[in-house]
């Protein structure tokens, strides 16, 4: 139970960092940050491996890189949808 809460918190932090790095996630809410962080963590660890420091069973560096990629892709897709 506590592990799930910890994973959600770390996912939100990773998503918020990715939004701040890209400057596209300023309007993202906490739920979007959690989703971007969790999907980005999965993507980053699948593509880059599980290296670096781990928190809540997530490799921080690959997770942030993966979340940045997710935020960029989603921002690009939403930008295209508005046109």
C-alpha atoms as a PDB file:
ATOM      1  CA  UNK A   1       0.000   0.000   0.000  1.00  0.00           C
ATOM      2  CA  UNK A   2       2.675   2.486   0.999  1.00  0.00           C
ATOM      3  CA  UNK A   3       4.802   1.468  -1.981  1.00  0.00           C
ATOM      4  CA  UNK A   4       1.976   2.433  -4.366  1.00  0.00           C
ATOM      5  CA  UNK A   5       1.641   5.837  -2.717  1.00  0.00           C
ATOM      6  CA  UNK A   6       5.408   6.325  -2.916  1.00  0.00           C
ATOM      7  CA  UNK A   7       5.418   5.356  -6.626  1.00  0.00           C
ATOM      8  CA  UNK A   8       2.635   7.867  -7.354  1.00  0.00           C
ATOM      9  CA  UNK A   9       4.470  10.644  -5.511  1.00  0.00           C
ATOM     10  CA  UNK A  10       7.754   9.953  -7.298  1.00  0.00           C
ATOM     11  CA  UNK A  11       5.874   9.701 -10.621  1.00  0.00           C
ATOM     12  CA  UNK A  12       4.352  13.130  -9.989  1.00  0.00           C
ATOM     13  CA  UNK A  13       7.756  14.620  -9.188  1.00  0.00           C
ATOM     14  CA  UNK A  14       9.310  13.072 -12.324  1.00  0.00           C
ATOM     15  CA  UNK A  15       6.417  14.402 -14.424  1.00  0.00           C
ATOM     16  CA  UNK A  16       6.761  17.873 -12.889  1.00  0.00           C
ATOM     17  CA  UNK A  17      10.508  17.890 -13.600  1.00  0.00           C
ATOM     18  CA  UNK A  18       9.838  16.851 -17.209  1.00  0.00           C
ATOM     19  CA  UNK A  19       7.268  19.642 -17.575  1.00  0.00           C
ATOM     20  CA  UNK A  20       9.702  22.171 -16.147  1.00  0.00           C
ATOM     21  CA  UNK A  21      12.535  20.995 -18.421  1.00  0.00           C
ATOM     22  CA  UNK A  22      10.398  21.227 -21.561  1.00  0.00           C
ATOM     23  CA  UNK A  23       8.487  24.336 -20.417  1.00  0.00           C
ATOM     24  CA  UNK A  24       5.443  22.688 -22.022  1.00  0.00           C
ATOM     25  CA  UNK A  25       4.030  21.159 -18.879  1.00  0.00           C
ATOM     26  CA  UNK A  26       3.230  24.361 -17.017  1.00  0.00           C
ATOM     27  CA  UNK A  27      -0.488  23.851 -17.398  1.00  0.00           C
ATOM     28  CA  UNK A  28      -0.357  20.141 -16.571  1.00  0.00           C
ATOM     29  CA  UNK A  29      -2.160  19.116 -13.421  1.00  0.00           C
ATOM     30  CA  UNK A  30      -0.999  16.593 -10.838  1.00  0.00           C
ATOM     31  CA  UNK A  31      -2.783  13.717 -12.543  1.00  0.00           C
ATOM     32  CA  UNK A  32      -1.086  14.512 -15.857  1.00  0.00           C
ATOM     33  CA  UNK A  33       2.249  14.785 -14.027  1.00  0.00           C
ATOM     34  CA  UNK A  34       1.736  11.373 -12.445  1.00  0.00           C
ATOM     35  CA  UNK A  35       0.777   9.809 -15.781  1.00  0.00           C
ATOM     36  CA  UNK A  36       3.706  11.447 -17.602  1.00  0.00           C
ATOM     37  CA  UNK A  37       6.071  10.380 -14.825  1.00  0.00           C
ATOM     38  CA  UNK A  38       4.905   6.764 -14.741  1.00  0.00           C
ATOM     39  CA  UNK A  39       4.755   6.287 -18.512  1.00  0.00           C
ATOM     40  CA  UNK A  40       8.027   8.182 -18.904  1.00  0.00           C
ATOM     41  CA  UNK A  41       9.650   6.004 -16.268  1.00  0.00           C
ATOM     42  CA  UNK A  42       8.521   2.873 -18.077  1.00  0.00           C
ATOM     43  CA  UNK A  43       9.667   4.206 -21.462  1.00  0.00           C
ATOM     44  CA  UNK A  44      12.989   5.495 -20.144  1.00  0.00           C
ATOM     45  CA  UNK A  45      13.870   2.250 -18.422  1.00  0.00           C
ATOM     46  CA  UNK A  46      12.875   0.168 -21.471  1.00  0.00           C
ATOM     47  CA  UNK A  47      14.952   2.286 -23.864  1.00  0.00           C
ATOM     48  CA  UNK A  48      17.873   3.360 -21.667  1.00  0.00           C
ATOM     49  CA  UNK A  49      17.998   0.608 -19.063  1.00  0.00           C
ATOM     50  CA  UNK A  50      17.854   0.776 -15.300  1.00  0.00           C
ATOM     51  CA  UNK A  51      20.973   2.667 -14.268  1.00  0.00           C
ATOM     52  CA  UNK A  52      21.642   5.474 -11.833  1.00  0.00           C
ATOM     53  CA  UNK A  53      19.960   6.122  -8.509  1.00  0.00           C
ATOM     54  CA  UNK A  54      16.665   4.347  -7.796  1.00  0.00           C
ATOM     55  CA  UNK A  55      13.713   5.650  -5.803  1.00  0.00           C
ATOM     56  CA  UNK A  56      10.529   3.580  -5.470  1.00  0.00           C
ATOM     57  CA  UNK A  57      12.020   1.013  -7.866  1.00  0.00           C
ATOM     58  CA  UNK A  58      12.364   3.688 -10.582  1.00  0.00           C
ATOM     59  CA  UNK A  59      15.720   4.658 -12.082  1.00  0.00           C
ATOM     60  CA  UNK A  60      15.618   8.437 -11.772  1.00  0.00           C
ATOM     61  CA  UNK A  61      17.767   9.589 -14.736  1.00  0.00           C
ATOM     62  CA  UNK A  62      16.204   7.321 -17.415  1.00  0.00           C
ATOM     63  CA  UNK A  63      12.763   8.063 -15.959  1.00  0.00           C
ATOM     64  CA  UNK A  64      13.201  11.816 -16.309  1.00  0.00           C
ATOM     65  CA  UNK A  65      14.525  11.439 -19.866  1.00  0.00           C
ATOM     66  CA  UNK A  66      11.570   9.209 -20.773  1.00  0.00           C
ATOM     67  CA  UNK A  67       9.096  11.629 -19.182  1.00  0.00           C
ATOM     68  CA  UNK A  68      10.622  14.552 -21.110  1.00  0.00           C
ATOM     69  CA  UNK A  69      10.111  12.581 -24.327  1.00  0.00           C
ATOM     70  CA  UNK A  70       6.485  11.847 -23.366  1.00  0.00           C
ATOM     71  CA  UNK A  71       5.761  15.509 -22.531  1.00  0.00           C
ATOM     72  CA  UNK A  72       7.304  16.680 -25.820  1.00  0.00           C
ATOM     73  CA  UNK A  73       5.283  14.155 -27.849  1.00  0.00           C
ATOM     74  CA  UNK A  74       1.998  14.934 -26.073  1.00  0.00           C
ATOM     75  CA  UNK A  75       2.562  18.697 -26.361  1.00  0.00           C
ATOM     76  CA  UNK A  76       3.315  18.307 -30.059  1.00  0.00           C
ATOM     77  CA  UNK A  77       0.208  16.180 -30.652  1.00  0.00           C
ATOM     78  CA  UNK A  78      -2.040  18.570 -28.723  1.00  0.00           C
ATOM     79  CA  UNK A  79      -0.521  21.532 -30.563  1.00  0.00           C
ATOM     80  CA  UNK A  80      -1.334  19.899 -33.898  1.00  0.00           C
ATOM     81  CA  UNK A  81      -4.885  19.115 -32.764  1.00  0.00           C
ATOM     82  CA  UNK A  82      -5.565  22.781 -31.963  1.00  0.00           C
ATOM     83  CA  UNK A  83      -4.618  23.937 -35.472  1.00  0.00           C
END
